[in-house]
Amino acid sequence: MYLHIGLNYMIKKKDIVGIFDIETTTGSMVTRSFLTKAQKGNRIISVTSELPRSFIVCLDKGGKETVFLTSLSTLTLQKRNSSRETSVN
């Protein structure tokens, strides 16, 4: 199953570690440090041409994190993540 996160971009639901609101989480020094480290490691993918509202952390098979920035809200992403409509064969 896949999750549509914007701009025709789909990620595997099983790879998602968490979905986070940018406005509420970037107040934390830990989150800012994590995002800075991900940016320096070229592990941030922006899937929006607008200001991002949330970010999704995914793990690949090797255990490396990838951060996806999206203009969709966490509520929208969570609803899509819990639905079964994004099955791709």
Protein backbone atom coordinates (compact mmCIF):
# COMPACT_ATOMS: atom_id res chain seq x y z
CA MET A 1 0.00 0.00 0.00
CA TYR A 2 1.11 3.53 -0.77
CA LEU A 3 0.44 6.98 0.62
CA HIS A 4 -0.01 9.92 -1.76
CA ILE A 5 1.87 12.88 -0.20
CA GLY A 6 1.48 15.52 -2.90
CA LEU A 7 2.69 16.41 -6.40
CA ASN A 8 1.97 12.86 -7.62
CA TYR A 9 4.48 11.47 -5.10
CA MET A 10 3.74 8.15 -3.38
CA ILE A 11 5.62 6.46 -0.55
CA LYS A 12 5.23 2.98 0.91
CA LYS A 13 3.08 3.04 4.03
CA LYS A 14 5.23 0.38 5.69
CA ASP A 15 8.29 2.67 5.45
CA ILE A 16 6.67 5.52 7.43
CA VAL A 17 8.10 6.13 10.88
CA GLY A 18 6.07 9.26 11.62
CA ILE A 19 4.08 12.18 10.29
CA PHE A 20 4.83 15.51 11.97
CA ASP A 21 3.43 19.05 11.89
CA ILE A 22 6.22 21.49 11.03
CA GLU A 23 4.84 24.41 12.99
CA THR A 24 4.48 22.55 16.28
CA THR A 25 7.57 20.33 16.12
CA THR A 26 10.24 22.75 14.92
CA GLY A 27 10.05 24.59 18.23
CA SER A 28 12.05 21.71 19.67
CA MET A 29 15.84 21.89 19.43
CA VAL A 30 15.93 18.11 18.91
CA THR A 31 13.66 18.35 15.86
CA ARG A 32 15.59 21.28 14.39
CA SER A 33 18.84 19.34 14.89
CA PHE A 34 17.34 16.25 13.23
CA LEU A 35 16.12 18.25 10.22
CA THR A 36 19.44 20.10 9.90
CA LYS A 37 21.32 16.79 9.95
CA ALA A 38 18.95 15.32 7.34
CA GLN A 39 19.42 18.38 5.12
CA LYS A 40 23.22 18.18 5.36
CA GLY A 41 22.98 14.49 4.46
CA ASN A 42 20.82 15.26 1.40
CA ARG A 43 18.00 13.17 2.85
CA ILE A 44 15.23 15.76 2.57
CA ILE A 45 12.87 15.61 -0.39
CA SER A 46 10.45 18.48 -0.89
CA VAL A 47 7.24 17.47 -2.62
CA THR A 48 5.66 20.91 -2.57
CA SER A 49 6.08 24.18 -4.36
CA GLU A 50 4.45 25.92 -1.38
CA LEU A 51 5.52 26.31 2.23
CA PRO A 52 5.56 22.87 3.85
CA ARG A 53 2.98 22.16 6.56
CA SER A 54 4.25 18.77 7.61
CA PHE A 55 7.06 16.30 7.19
CA ILE A 56 7.14 12.52 6.98
CA VAL A 57 10.06 10.44 8.21
CA CYS A 58 10.62 7.14 6.40
CA LEU A 59 13.20 4.39 6.80
CA ASP A 60 14.63 2.53 3.83
CA LYS A 61 15.76 -1.10 3.93
CA GLY A 62 19.22 -0.05 5.07
CA GLY A 63 17.81 1.87 8.03
CA LYS A 64 18.52 5.34 6.61
CA GLU A 65 15.96 8.06 7.19
CA THR A 66 14.44 10.13 4.42
CA VAL A 67 12.38 13.21 5.24
CA PHE A 68 9.60 14.28 2.88
CA LEU A 69 8.32 17.86 3.14
CA THR A 70 4.73 18.32 2.02
CA SER A 71 2.11 21.06 1.96
CA LEU A 72 -0.54 18.62 3.17
CA SER A 73 -1.61 18.79 6.82
CA THR A 74 -0.86 15.99 9.25
CA LEU A 75 -4.60 15.35 9.57
CA THR A 76 -4.97 14.85 5.80
CA LEU A 77 -1.94 12.57 5.69
CA GLN A 78 -3.15 10.52 8.65
CA LYS A 79 -6.59 10.10 7.05
CA ARG A 80 -4.99 8.98 3.81
CA ASN A 81 -2.65 6.66 5.70
CA SER A 82 -5.53 4.94 7.47
CA SER A 83 -7.59 4.50 4.30
CA ARG A 84 -7.28 1.54 1.96
CA GLU A 85 -7.85 3.50 -1.25
CA THR A 86 -4.19 3.92 -2.23
CA SER A 87 -3.43 0.30 -3.13
CA VAL A 88 -1.24 -0.02 -6.22
CA ASN A 89 -0.66 -3.36 -7.93
